[in-house]
Amino acid sequence: MAFVKDDPAKSASLAAAIQKLTDAHKDKDLRSFVVYVGGQELQPAIDKVAQEKKITIPLTFLAEGAKSNALGAYKINPEAKNTVMLYSKKNVQSTFVNVDQKSWADVEKATAQMLGK
């Protein structure tokens, strides 16, 4: 799962990378979703990114934005640009903060390790 503070257009490449990673590991039943830390005003931009990037994984938003209890429950820093969490059987395996193109390889590696590849 990923929590994203950036607006959907600025973070479209991260959402697309998560989609690609999910597709690459369908045989291992990898599932994913992206949560934007913003209210319903983001919905049109989220829909546009999903359509333009052909993203089929769930993309949603926190109705309460940075004030949402979900951030505290998942120990997400509301100031972070993004947080990607890998979890299996309700246990967090790895957490990555402020993921960019350079650090994306770490997410891919941790995903493969988590899935036993």
PDB file of N, CA and C in Angstrom:
ATOM      1  N   MET A   1       0.848  -1.170   0.000  1.00  0.00           N
ATOM      2  CA  MET A   1       0.000   0.000   0.000  1.00  0.00           C
ATOM      3  C   MET A   1       0.884   1.218   0.000  1.00  0.00           C
ATOM      4  N   ALA A   2       0.361   2.280  -0.598  1.00  0.00           N
ATOM      5  CA  ALA A   2       1.125   3.519  -0.631  1.00  0.00           C
ATOM      6  C   ALA A   2       0.233   4.666  -0.188  1.00  0.00           C
ATOM      7  N   PHE A   3       0.786   5.522   0.658  1.00  0.00           N
ATOM      8  CA  PHE A   3       0.135   6.770   1.033  1.00  0.00           C
ATOM      9  C   PHE A   3       0.920   7.867   0.334  1.00  0.00           C
ATOM     10  N   VAL A   4       0.224   8.738  -0.393  1.00  0.00           N
ATOM     11  CA  VAL A   4       0.880   9.752  -1.209  1.00  0.00           C
ATOM     12  C   VAL A   4       0.358  11.128  -0.851  1.00  0.00           C
ATOM     13  N   LYS A   5       1.286  12.030  -0.507  1.00  0.00           N
ATOM     14  CA  LYS A   5       0.911  13.407  -0.182  1.00  0.00           C
ATOM     15  C   LYS A   5       0.832  14.263  -1.447  1.00  0.00           C
ATOM     16  N   ASP A   6       1.703  13.987  -2.414  1.00  0.00           N
ATOM     17  CA  ASP A   6       1.713  14.766  -3.655  1.00  0.00           C
ATOM     18  C   ASP A   6       0.377  14.673  -4.378  1.00  0.00           C
ATOM     19  N   ASP A   7       0.118  15.688  -5.209  1.00  0.00           N
ATOM     20  CA  ASP A   7      -1.110  15.607  -5.985  1.00  0.00           C
ATOM     21  C   ASP A   7      -0.970  14.459  -6.992  1.00  0.00           C
ATOM     22  N   PRO A   8      -2.089  13.912  -7.427  1.00  0.00           N
ATOM     23  CA  PRO A   8      -2.064  12.734  -8.294  1.00  0.00           C
ATOM     24  C   PRO A   8      -1.218  12.903  -9.562  1.00  0.00           C
ATOM     25  N   ALA A   9      -1.250  14.060 -10.194  1.00  0.00           N
ATOM     26  CA  ALA A   9      -0.465  14.258 -11.418  1.00  0.00           C
ATOM     27  C   ALA A   9       1.034  14.172 -11.137  1.00  0.00           C
ATOM     28  N   LYS A  10       1.485  14.746 -10.026  1.00  0.00           N
ATOM     29  CA  LYS A  10       2.908  14.730  -9.689  1.00  0.00           C
ATOM     30  C   LYS A  10       3.384  13.339  -9.283  1.00  0.00           C
ATOM     31  N   SER A  11       2.493  12.522  -8.789  1.00  0.00           N
ATOM     32  CA  SER A  11       2.878  11.190  -8.318  1.00  0.00           C
ATOM     33  C   SER A  11       2.427  10.079  -9.260  1.00  0.00           C
ATOM     34  N   ALA A  12       2.037  10.441 -10.465  1.00  0.00           N
ATOM     35  CA  ALA A  12       1.533   9.453 -11.430  1.00  0.00           C
ATOM     36  C   ALA A  12       2.567   8.367 -11.719  1.00  0.00           C
ATOM     37  N   SER A  13       3.835   8.728 -11.758  1.00  0.00           N
ATOM     38  CA  SER A  13       4.867   7.728 -12.056  1.00  0.00           C
ATOM     39  C   SER A  13       4.977   6.691 -10.938  1.00  0.00           C
ATOM     40  N   LEU A  14       4.762   7.097  -9.689  1.00  0.00           N
ATOM     41  CA  LEU A  14       4.785   6.136  -8.578  1.00  0.00           C
ATOM     42  C   LEU A  14       3.597   5.188  -8.686  1.00  0.00           C
ATOM     43  N   ALA A  15       2.422   5.721  -8.936  1.00  0.00           N
ATOM     44  CA  ALA A  15       1.240   4.868  -9.086  1.00  0.00           C
ATOM     45  C   ALA A  15       1.421   3.894 -10.246  1.00  0.00           C
ATOM     46  N   ALA A  16       1.989   4.369 -11.346  1.00  0.00           N
ATOM     47  CA  ALA A  16       2.231   3.501 -12.501  1.00  0.00           C
ATOM     48  C   ALA A  16       3.264   2.420 -12.173  1.00  0.00           C
ATOM     49  N   ALA A  17       4.290   2.766 -11.406  1.00  0.00           N
ATOM     50  CA  ALA A  17       5.302   1.784 -11.014  1.00  0.00           C
ATOM     51  C   ALA A  17       4.689   0.711 -10.108  1.00  0.00           C
ATOM     52  N   ILE A  18       3.807   1.124  -9.215  1.00  0.00           N
ATOM     53  CA  ILE A  18       3.126   0.162  -8.338  1.00  0.00           C
ATOM     54  C   ILE A  18       2.243  -0.759  -9.171  1.00  0.00           C
ATOM     55  N   GLN A  19       1.557  -0.205 -10.159  1.00  0.00           N
ATOM     56  CA  GLN A  19       0.735  -1.016 -11.064  1.00  0.00           C
ATOM     57  C   GLN A  19       1.603  -2.057 -11.778  1.00  0.00           C
ATOM     58  N   LYS A  20       2.733  -1.615 -12.314  1.00  0.00           N
ATOM     59  CA  LYS A  20       3.637  -2.511 -13.046  1.00  0.00           C
ATOM     60  C   LYS A  20       4.170  -3.618 -12.131  1.00  0.00           C
ATOM     61  N   LEU A  21       4.553  -3.258 -10.915  1.00  0.00           N
ATOM     62  CA  LEU A  21       5.055  -4.239  -9.951  1.00  0.00           C
ATOM     63  C   LEU A  21       3.969  -5.252  -9.603  1.00  0.00           C
ATOM     64  N   THR A  22       2.771  -4.779  -9.407  1.00  0.00           N
ATOM     65  CA  THR A  22       1.638  -5.659  -9.095  1.00  0.00           C
ATOM     66  C   THR A  22       1.391  -6.628 -10.239  1.00  0.00           C
ATOM     67  N   ASP A  23       1.383  -6.115 -11.455  1.00  0.00           N
ATOM     68  CA  ASP A  23       1.166  -6.968 -12.629  1.00  0.00           C
ATOM     69  C   ASP A  23       2.269  -8.013 -12.759  1.00  0.00           C
ATOM     70  N   ALA A  24       3.501  -7.631 -12.459  1.00  0.00           N
ATOM     71  CA  ALA A  24       4.632  -8.551 -12.587  1.00  0.00           C
ATOM     72  C   ALA A  24       4.564  -9.706 -11.588  1.00  0.00           C
ATOM     73  N   HIS A  25       3.833  -9.509 -10.495  1.00  0.00           N
ATOM     74  CA  HIS A  25       3.769 -10.546  -9.453  1.00  0.00           C
ATOM     75  C   HIS A  25       2.349 -11.076  -9.253  1.00  0.00           C
ATOM     76  N   LYS A  26       1.537 -11.018 -10.304  1.00  0.00           N
ATOM     77  CA  LYS A  26       0.173 -11.545 -10.199  1.00  0.00           C
ATOM     78  C   LYS A  26       0.169 -13.022  -9.829  1.00  0.00           C
ATOM     79  N   ASP A  27       1.169 -13.751 -10.318  1.00  0.00           N
ATOM     80  CA  ASP A  27       1.245 -15.177 -10.024  1.00  0.00           C
ATOM     81  C   ASP A  27       1.428 -15.451  -8.536  1.00  0.00           C
ATOM     82  N   LYS A  28       1.896 -14.463  -7.785  1.00  0.00           N
ATOM     83  CA  LYS A  28       2.078 -14.593  -6.332  1.00  0.00           C
ATOM     84  C   LYS A  28       0.942 -13.919  -5.564  1.00  0.00           C
ATOM     85  N   ASP A  29      -0.095 -13.514  -6.297  1.00  0.00           N
ATOM     86  CA  ASP A  29      -1.285 -12.886  -5.716  1.00  0.00           C
ATOM     87  C   ASP A  29      -0.968 -11.549  -5.022  1.00  0.00           C
ATOM     88  N   LEU A  30       0.019 -10.815  -5.575  1.00  0.00           N
ATOM     89  CA  LEU A  30       0.333  -9.500  -5.034  1.00  0.00           C
ATOM     90  C   LEU A  30      -0.806  -8.541  -5.349  1.00  0.00           C
ATOM     91  N   ARG A  31      -1.230  -7.825  -4.353  1.00  0.00           N
ATOM     92  CA  ARG A  31      -2.268  -6.808  -4.523  1.00  0.00           C
ATOM     93  C   ARG A  31      -1.756  -5.495  -3.964  1.00  0.00           C
ATOM     94  N   SER A  32      -2.283  -4.409  -4.480  1.00  0.00           N
ATOM     95  CA  SER A  32      -1.819  -3.107  -4.030  1.00  0.00           C
ATOM     96  C   SER A  32      -2.901  -2.059  -4.188  1.00  0.00           C
ATOM     97  N   PHE A  33      -2.667  -0.930  -3.537  1.00  0.00           N
ATOM     98  CA  PHE A  33      -3.553   0.224  -3.673  1.00  0.00           C
ATOM     99  C   PHE A  33      -2.790   1.474  -3.270  1.00  0.00           C
ATOM    100  N   VAL A  34      -3.289   2.613  -3.730  1.00  0.00           N
ATOM    101  CA  VAL A  34      -2.671   3.903  -3.437  1.00  0.00           C
ATOM    102  C   VAL A  34      -3.717   4.789  -2.775  1.00  0.00           C
ATOM    103  N   VAL A  35      -3.333   5.401  -1.661  1.00  0.00           N
ATOM    104  CA  VAL A  35      -4.212   6.311  -0.936  1.00  0.00           C
ATOM    105  C   VAL A  35      -3.594   7.709  -0.978  1.00  0.00           C
ATOM    106  N   TYR A  36      -4.335   8.655  -1.519  1.00  0.00           N
ATOM    107  CA  TYR A  36      -3.864  10.042  -1.555  1.00  0.00           C
ATOM    108  C   TYR A  36      -4.321  10.750  -0.285  1.00  0.00           C
ATOM    109  N   VAL A  37      -3.399  11.459   0.333  1.00  0.00           N
ATOM    110  CA  VAL A  37      -3.670  12.162   1.582  1.00  0.00           C
ATOM    111  C   VAL A  37      -4.303  13.510   1.229  1.00  0.00           C
ATOM    112  N   GLY A  38      -5.548  13.446   0.904  1.00  0.00           N
ATOM    113  CA  GLY A  38      -6.320  14.627   0.535  1.00  0.00           C
ATOM    114  C   GLY A  38      -7.789  14.254   0.492  1.00  0.00           C
ATOM    115  N   GLY A  39      -8.630  15.214   0.336  1.00  0.00           N
ATOM    116  CA  GLY A  39     -10.063  14.980   0.340  1.00  0.00           C
ATOM    117  C   GLY A  39     -10.620  14.629  -1.022  1.00  0.00           C
ATOM    118  N   GLN A  40     -11.933  14.622  -1.082  1.00  0.00           N
ATOM    119  CA  GLN A  40     -12.623  14.214  -2.301  1.00  0.00           C
ATOM    120  C   GLN A  40     -12.370  15.144  -3.473  1.00  0.00           C
ATOM    121  N   GLU A  41     -11.829  16.336  -3.210  1.00  0.00           N
ATOM    122  CA  GLU A  41     -11.497  17.245  -4.303  1.00  0.00           C
ATOM    123  C   GLU A  41     -10.426  16.645  -5.226  1.00  0.00           C
ATOM    124  N   LEU A  42      -9.709  15.617  -4.765  1.00  0.00           N
ATOM    125  CA  LEU A  42      -8.699  14.953  -5.580  1.00  0.00           C
ATOM    126  C   LEU A  42      -9.277  13.945  -6.569  1.00  0.00           C
ATOM    127  N   GLN A  43     -10.546  13.589  -6.385  1.00  0.00           N
ATOM    128  CA  GLN A  43     -11.127  12.513  -7.207  1.00  0.00           C
ATOM    129  C   GLN A  43     -10.977  12.743  -8.714  1.00  0.00           C
ATOM    130  N   PRO A  44     -11.286  13.932  -9.247  1.00  0.00           N
ATOM    131  CA  PRO A  44     -11.109  14.110 -10.701  1.00  0.00           C
ATOM    132  C   PRO A  44      -9.657  13.900 -11.153  1.00  0.00           C
ATOM    133  N   ALA A  45      -8.704  14.377 -10.378  1.00  0.00           N
ATOM    134  CA  ALA A  45      -7.293  14.209 -10.734  1.00  0.00           C
ATOM    135  C   ALA A  45      -6.870  12.745 -10.624  1.00  0.00           C
ATOM    136  N   ILE A  46      -7.376  12.045  -9.620  1.00  0.00           N
ATOM    137  CA  ILE A  46      -7.095  10.617  -9.467  1.00  0.00           C
ATOM    138  C   ILE A  46      -7.639   9.854 -10.666  1.00  0.00           C
ATOM    139  N   ASP A  47      -8.874  10.139 -11.044  1.00  0.00           N
ATOM    140  CA  ASP A  47      -9.494   9.475 -12.200  1.00  0.00           C
ATOM    141  C   ASP A  47      -8.711   9.739 -13.480  1.00  0.00           C
ATOM    142  N   LYS A  48      -8.229  10.962 -13.643  1.00  0.00           N
ATOM    143  CA  LYS A  48      -7.464  11.322 -14.836  1.00  0.00           C
ATOM    144  C   LYS A  48      -6.156  10.532 -14.906  1.00  0.00           C
ATOM    145  N   VAL A  49      -5.450  10.441 -13.789  1.00  0.00           N
ATOM    146  CA  VAL A  49      -4.197   9.676 -13.747  1.00  0.00           C
ATOM    147  C   VAL A  49      -4.466   8.211 -14.056  1.00  0.00           C
ATOM    148  N   ALA A  50      -5.502   7.652 -13.453  1.00  0.00           N
ATOM    149  CA  ALA A  50      -5.833   6.243 -13.679  1.00  0.00           C
ATOM    150  C   ALA A  50      -6.109   5.983 -15.160  1.00  0.00           C
ATOM    151  N   GLN A  51      -6.833   6.874 -15.771  1.00  0.00           N
ATOM    152  CA  GLN A  51      -7.165   6.708 -17.187  1.00  0.00           C
ATOM    153  C   GLN A  51      -5.930   6.880 -18.072  1.00  0.00           C
ATOM    154  N   GLU A  52      -5.176   7.937 -17.853  1.00  0.00           N
ATOM    155  CA  GLU A  52      -4.011   8.222 -18.692  1.00  0.00           C
ATOM    156  C   GLU A  52      -2.916   7.168 -18.559  1.00  0.00           C
ATOM    157  N   LYS A  53      -2.716   6.665 -17.355  1.00  0.00           N
ATOM    158  CA  LYS A  53      -1.646   5.685 -17.105  1.00  0.00           C
ATOM    159  C   LYS A  53      -2.152   4.245 -17.144  1.00  0.00           C
ATOM    160  N   LYS A  54      -3.445   4.072 -17.435  1.00  0.00           N
ATOM    161  CA  LYS A  54      -4.061   2.736 -17.498  1.00  0.00           C
ATOM    162  C   LYS A  54      -3.854   1.961 -16.190  1.00  0.00           C
ATOM    163  N   ILE A  55      -4.123   2.648 -15.106  1.00  0.00           N
ATOM    164  CA  ILE A  55      -3.952   2.056 -13.775  1.00  0.00           C
ATOM    165  C   ILE A  55      -5.260   1.393 -13.355  1.00  0.00           C
ATOM    166  N   THR A  56      -5.162   0.131 -12.992  1.00  0.00           N
ATOM    167  CA  THR A  56      -6.343  -0.621 -12.572  1.00  0.00           C
ATOM    168  C   THR A  56      -6.340  -0.949 -11.077  1.00  0.00           C
ATOM    169  N   ILE A  57      -5.189  -0.750 -10.414  1.00  0.00           N
ATOM    170  CA  ILE A  57      -5.185  -0.963  -8.964  1.00  0.00           C
ATOM    171  C   ILE A  57      -6.041   0.139  -8.331  1.00  0.00           C
ATOM    172  N   PRO A  58      -6.597  -0.103  -7.148  1.00  0.00           N
ATOM    173  CA  PRO A  58      -7.409   0.937  -6.515  1.00  0.00           C
ATOM    174  C   PRO A  58      -6.592   2.187  -6.179  1.00  0.00           C
ATOM    175  N   LEU A  59      -7.126   3.330  -6.549  1.00  0.00           N
ATOM    176  CA  LEU A  59      -6.588   4.638  -6.200  1.00  0.00           C
ATOM    177  C   LEU A  59      -7.695   5.360  -5.450  1.00  0.00           C
ATOM    178  N   THR A  60      -7.408   5.823  -4.253  1.00  0.00           N
ATOM    179  CA  THR A  60      -8.439   6.463  -3.449  1.00  0.00           C
ATOM    180  C   THR A  60      -7.838   7.628  -2.675  1.00  0.00           C
ATOM    181  N   PHE A  61      -8.624   8.217  -1.799  1.00  0.00           N
ATOM    182  CA  PHE A  61      -8.182   9.366  -1.017  1.00  0.00           C
ATOM    183  C   PHE A  61      -8.701   9.251   0.406  1.00  0.00           C
ATOM    184  N   LEU A  62      -8.067   9.990   1.305  1.00  0.00           N
ATOM    185  CA  LEU A  62      -8.542  10.090   2.685  1.00  0.00           C
ATOM    186  C   LEU A  62      -9.468  11.294   2.761  1.00  0.00           C
ATOM    187  N   ALA A  63     -10.690  11.067   3.091  1.00  0.00           N
ATOM    188  CA  ALA A  63     -11.666  12.156   3.140  1.00  0.00           C
ATOM    189  C   ALA A  63     -11.241  13.262   4.106  1.00  0.00           C
ATOM    190  N   GLU A  64     -10.585  12.878   5.206  1.00  0.00           N
ATOM    191  CA  GLU A  64     -10.146  13.868   6.197  1.00  0.00           C
ATOM    192  C   GLU A  64      -8.748  14.413   5.896  1.00  0.00           C
ATOM    193  N   GLY A  65      -8.136  13.952   4.835  1.00  0.00           N
ATOM    194  CA  GLY A  65      -6.803  14.411   4.477  1.00  0.00           C
ATOM    195  C   GLY A  65      -5.778  14.084   5.542  1.00  0.00           C
ATOM    196  N   ALA A  66      -4.850  14.995   5.770  1.00  0.00           N
ATOM    197  CA  ALA A  66      -3.758  14.776   6.723  1.00  0.00           C
ATOM    198  C   ALA A  66      -4.251  14.651   8.164  1.00  0.00           C
ATOM    199  N   LYS A  67      -5.496  14.995   8.422  1.00  0.00           N
ATOM    200  CA  LYS A  67      -6.066  14.871   9.771  1.00  0.00           C
ATOM    201  C   LYS A  67      -6.646  13.484  10.028  1.00  0.00           C
ATOM    202  N   SER A  68      -6.604  12.617   9.037  1.00  0.00           N
ATOM    203  CA  SER A  68      -7.203  11.288   9.145  1.00  0.00           C
ATOM    204  C   SER A  68      -6.528  10.442  10.219  1.00  0.00           C
ATOM    205  N   ASN A  69      -7.323   9.685  10.942  1.00  0.00           N
ATOM    206  CA  ASN A  69      -6.802   8.759  11.947  1.00  0.00           C
ATOM    207  C   ASN A  69      -5.994   7.632  11.309  1.00  0.00           C
ATOM    208  N   ALA A  70      -6.241   7.367  10.023  1.00  0.00           N
ATOM    209  CA  ALA A  70      -5.525   6.294   9.333  1.00  0.00           C
ATOM    210  C   ALA A  70      -4.027   6.546   9.319  1.00  0.00           C
ATOM    211  N   LEU A  71      -3.615   7.795   9.207  1.00  0.00           N
ATOM    212  CA  LEU A  71      -2.182   8.097   9.188  1.00  0.00           C
ATOM    213  C   LEU A  71      -1.521   7.695  10.492  1.00  0.00           C
ATOM    214  N   GLY A  72      -2.158   8.002  11.589  1.00  0.00           N
ATOM    215  CA  GLY A  72      -1.623   7.609  12.888  1.00  0.00           C
ATOM    216  C   GLY A  72      -1.653   6.105  13.085  1.00  0.00           C
ATOM    217  N   ALA A  73      -2.721   5.479  12.634  1.00  0.00           N
ATOM    218  CA  ALA A  73      -2.847   4.030  12.789  1.00  0.00           C
ATOM    219  C   ALA A  73      -1.746   3.288  12.046  1.00  0.00           C
ATOM    220  N   TYR A  74      -1.368   3.801  10.887  1.00  0.00           N
ATOM    221  CA  TYR A  74      -0.312   3.165  10.095  1.00  0.00           C
ATOM    222  C   TYR A  74       1.060   3.803  10.327  1.00  0.00           C
ATOM    223  N   LYS A  75       1.122   4.747  11.246  1.00  0.00           N
ATOM    224  CA  LYS A  75       2.369   5.445  11.587  1.00  0.00           C
ATOM    225  C   LYS A  75       2.980   6.130  10.362  1.00  0.00           C
ATOM    226  N   ILE A  76       2.121   6.838   9.632  1.00  0.00           N
ATOM    227  CA  ILE A  76       2.529   7.568   8.437  1.00  0.00           C
ATOM    228  C   ILE A  76       2.839   9.011   8.819  1.00  0.00           C
ATOM    229  N   ASN A  77       4.003   9.499   8.430  1.00  0.00           N
ATOM    230  CA  ASN A  77       4.360  10.896   8.651  1.00  0.00           C
ATOM    231  C   ASN A  77       3.583  11.734   7.642  1.00  0.00           C
ATOM    232  N   PRO A  78       2.671  12.594   8.098  1.00  0.00           N
ATOM    233  CA  PRO A  78       1.864  13.374   7.158  1.00  0.00           C
ATOM    234  C   PRO A  78       2.677  14.371   6.336  1.00  0.00           C
ATOM    235  N   GLU A  79       3.927  14.620   6.734  1.00  0.00           N
ATOM    236  CA  GLU A  79       4.792  15.526   5.980  1.00  0.00           C
ATOM    237  C   GLU A  79       5.595  14.802   4.889  1.00  0.00           C
ATOM    238  N   ALA A  80       5.637  13.481   4.933  1.00  0.00           N
ATOM    239  CA  ALA A  80       6.383  12.714   3.928  1.00  0.00           C
ATOM    240  C   ALA A  80       5.702  12.840   2.573  1.00  0.00           C
ATOM    241  N   LYS A  81       6.512  12.873   1.539  1.00  0.00           N
ATOM    242  CA  LYS A  81       5.998  12.948   0.175  1.00  0.00           C
ATOM    243  C   LYS A  81       5.181  11.700  -0.144  1.00  0.00           C
ATOM    244  N   ASN A  82       5.685  10.545   0.283  1.00  0.00           N
ATOM    245  CA  ASN A  82       4.958   9.285   0.120  1.00  0.00           C
ATOM    246  C   ASN A  82       5.527   8.258   1.080  1.00  0.00           C
ATOM    247  N   THR A  83       4.738   7.248   1.348  1.00  0.00           N
ATOM    248  CA  THR A  83       5.161   6.120   2.172  1.00  0.00           C
ATOM    249  C   THR A  83       4.629   4.854   1.516  1.00  0.00           C
ATOM    250  N   VAL A  84       5.511   3.936   1.212  1.00  0.00           N
ATOM    251  CA  VAL A  84       5.132   2.655   0.613  1.00  0.00           C
ATOM    252  C   VAL A  84       5.380   1.582   1.656  1.00  0.00           C
ATOM    253  N   MET A  85       4.344   0.802   1.930  1.00  0.00           N
ATOM    254  CA  MET A  85       4.440  -0.259   2.929  1.00  0.00           C
ATOM    255  C   MET A  85       4.151  -1.601   2.264  1.00  0.00           C
ATOM    256  N   LEU A  86       5.016  -2.568   2.531  1.00  0.00           N
ATOM    257  CA  LEU A  86       4.799  -3.928   2.067  1.00  0.00           C
ATOM    258  C   LEU A  86       4.348  -4.739   3.267  1.00  0.00           C
ATOM    259  N   TYR A  87       3.245  -5.435   3.103  1.00  0.00           N
ATOM    260  CA  TYR A  87       2.776  -6.237   4.221  1.00  0.00           C
ATOM    261  C   TYR A  87       2.238  -7.571   3.729  1.00  0.00           C
ATOM    262  N   SER A  88       2.307  -8.550   4.604  1.00  0.00           N
ATOM    263  CA  SER A  88       1.830  -9.891   4.316  1.00  0.00           C
ATOM    264  C   SER A  88       1.153 -10.418   5.568  1.00  0.00           C
ATOM    265  N   LYS A  89      -0.040 -10.941   5.390  1.00  0.00           N
ATOM    266  CA  LYS A  89      -0.805 -11.505   6.512  1.00  0.00           C
ATOM    267  C   LYS A  89      -0.918 -10.513   7.665  1.00  0.00           C
ATOM    268  N   LYS A  90      -1.208  -9.267   7.331  1.00  0.00           N
ATOM    269  CA  LYS A  90      -1.435  -8.172   8.279  1.00  0.00           C
ATOM    270  C   LYS A  90      -0.181  -7.747   9.054  1.00  0.00           C
ATOM    271  N   ASN A  91       0.990  -8.175   8.606  1.00  0.00           N
ATOM    272  CA  ASN A  91       2.248  -7.786   9.242  1.00  0.00           C
ATOM    273  C   ASN A  91       3.090  -6.981   8.256  1.00  0.00           C
ATOM    274  N   VAL A  92       3.497  -5.792   8.677  1.00  0.00           N
ATOM    275  CA  VAL A  92       4.322  -4.951   7.817  1.00  0.00           C
ATOM    276  C   VAL A  92       5.706  -5.593   7.699  1.00  0.00           C
ATOM    277  N   GLN A  93       6.135  -5.793   6.455  1.00  0.00           N
ATOM    278  CA  GLN A  93       7.435  -6.395   6.173  1.00  0.00           C
ATOM    279  C   GLN A  93       8.513  -5.330   5.938  1.00  0.00           C
ATOM    280  N   SER A  94       8.128  -4.244   5.239  1.00  0.00           N
ATOM    281  CA  SER A  94       9.070  -3.167   4.899  1.00  0.00           C
ATOM    282  C   SER A  94       8.309  -1.866   4.735  1.00  0.00           C
ATOM    283  N   THR A  95       8.961  -0.769   5.070  1.00  0.00           N
ATOM    284  CA  THR A  95       8.387   0.561   4.881  1.00  0.00           C
ATOM    285  C   THR A  95       9.431   1.444   4.208  1.00  0.00           C
ATOM    286  N   PHE A  96       9.009   2.175   3.204  1.00  0.00           N
ATOM    287  CA  PHE A  96       9.881   3.076   2.457  1.00  0.00           C
ATOM    288  C   PHE A  96       9.239   4.456   2.445  1.00  0.00           C
ATOM    289  N   VAL A  97      10.012   5.478   2.774  1.00  0.00           N
ATOM    290  CA  VAL A  97       9.506   6.841   2.853  1.00  0.00           C
ATOM    291  C   VAL A  97      10.186   7.694   1.785  1.00  0.00           C
ATOM    292  N   ASN A  98       9.396   8.545   1.157  1.00  0.00           N
ATOM    293  CA  ASN A  98       9.878   9.441   0.093  1.00  0.00           C
ATOM    294  C   ASN A  98      10.542   8.661  -1.044  1.00  0.00           C
ATOM    295  N   VAL A  99       9.826   7.678  -1.533  1.00  0.00           N
ATOM    296  CA  VAL A  99      10.303   6.847  -2.633  1.00  0.00           C
ATOM    297  C   VAL A  99      10.390   7.693  -3.902  1.00  0.00           C
ATOM    298  N   ASP A 100      11.521   7.544  -4.591  1.00  0.00           N
ATOM    299  CA  ASP A 100      11.711   8.208  -5.884  1.00  0.00           C
ATOM    300  C   ASP A 100      12.229   7.168  -6.871  1.00  0.00           C
ATOM    301  N   GLN A 101      12.575   7.604  -8.067  1.00  0.00           N
ATOM    302  CA  GLN A 101      13.050   6.657  -9.080  1.00  0.00           C
ATOM    303  C   GLN A 101      14.261   5.877  -8.602  1.00  0.00           C
ATOM    304  N   LYS A 102      15.152   6.533  -7.912  1.00  0.00           N
ATOM    305  CA  LYS A 102      16.380   5.876  -7.446  1.00  0.00           C
ATOM    306  C   LYS A 102      16.087   4.812  -6.387  1.00  0.00           C
ATOM    307  N   SER A 103      15.216   5.113  -5.444  1.00  0.00           N
ATOM    308  CA  SER A 103      14.940   4.165  -4.358  1.00  0.00           C
ATOM    309  C   SER A 103      13.871   3.133  -4.717  1.00  0.00           C
ATOM    310  N   TRP A 104      13.234   3.278  -5.878  1.00  0.00           N
ATOM    311  CA  TRP A 104      12.213   2.315  -6.291  1.00  0.00           C
ATOM    312  C   TRP A 104      12.796   0.898  -6.377  1.00  0.00           C
ATOM    313  N   ALA A 105      14.045   0.776  -6.769  1.00  0.00           N
ATOM    314  CA  ALA A 105      14.679  -0.544  -6.863  1.00  0.00           C
ATOM    315  C   ALA A 105      14.659  -1.262  -5.511  1.00  0.00           C
ATOM    316  N   ASP A 106      14.770  -0.513  -4.425  1.00  0.00           N
ATOM    317  CA  ASP A 106      14.695  -1.110  -3.083  1.00  0.00           C
ATOM    318  C   ASP A 106      13.309  -1.688  -2.817  1.00  0.00           C
ATOM    319  N   VAL A 107      12.280  -0.999  -3.285  1.00  0.00           N
ATOM    320  CA  VAL A 107      10.908  -1.496  -3.133  1.00  0.00           C
ATOM    321  C   VAL A 107      10.741  -2.791  -3.930  1.00  0.00           C
ATOM    322  N   GLU A 108      11.238  -2.795  -5.151  1.00  0.00           N
ATOM    323  CA  GLU A 108      11.140  -4.002  -5.988  1.00  0.00           C
ATOM    324  C   GLU A 108      11.867  -5.182  -5.343  1.00  0.00           C
ATOM    325  N   LYS A 109      13.050  -4.933  -4.827  1.00  0.00           N
ATOM    326  CA  LYS A 109      13.841  -5.992  -4.195  1.00  0.00           C
ATOM    327  C   LYS A 109      13.124  -6.540  -2.956  1.00  0.00           C
ATOM    328  N   ALA A 110      12.609  -5.648  -2.122  1.00  0.00           N
ATOM    329  CA  ALA A 110      11.909  -6.070  -0.912  1.00  0.00           C
ATOM    330  C   ALA A 110      10.632  -6.835  -1.252  1.00  0.00           C
ATOM    331  N   THR A 111       9.973  -6.437  -2.317  1.00  0.00           N
ATOM    332  CA  THR A 111       8.769  -7.144  -2.751  1.00  0.00           C
ATOM    333  C   THR A 111       9.112  -8.565  -3.168  1.00  0.00           C
ATOM    334  N   ALA A 112      10.165  -8.710  -3.961  1.00  0.00           N
ATOM    335  CA  ALA A 112      10.592 -10.046  -4.398  1.00  0.00           C
ATOM    336  C   ALA A 112      10.964 -10.918  -3.194  1.00  0.00           C
ATOM    337  N   GLN A 113      11.658 -10.329  -2.232  1.00  0.00           N
ATOM    338  CA  GLN A 113      12.038 -11.076  -1.025  1.00  0.00           C
ATOM    339  C   GLN A 113      10.794 -11.493  -0.237  1.00  0.00           C
ATOM    340  N   MET A 114       9.855 -10.569  -0.098  1.00  0.00           N
ATOM    341  CA  MET A 114       8.638 -10.872   0.641  1.00  0.00           C
ATOM    342  C   MET A 114       7.855 -12.021  -0.014  1.00  0.00           C
ATOM    343  N   LEU A 115       7.867 -12.019  -1.338  1.00  0.00           N
ATOM    344  CA  LEU A 115       7.109 -13.027  -2.078  1.00  0.00           C
ATOM    345  C   LEU A 115       7.893 -14.326  -2.275  1.00  0.00           C
ATOM    346  N   GLY A 116       9.148 -14.334  -1.825  1.00  0.00           N
ATOM    347  CA  GLY A 116       9.938 -15.553  -1.915  1.00  0.00           C
ATOM    348  C   GLY A 116      10.537 -15.818  -3.279  1.00  0.00           C
ATOM    349  N   LYS A 117      10.764 -14.748  -4.054  1.00  0.00           N
ATOM    350  CA  LYS A 117      11.376 -14.937  -5.386  1.00  0.00           C
ATOM    351  C   LYS A 117      12.852 -14.700  -5.312  1.00  0.00           C
TER     352      LYS A 117
END
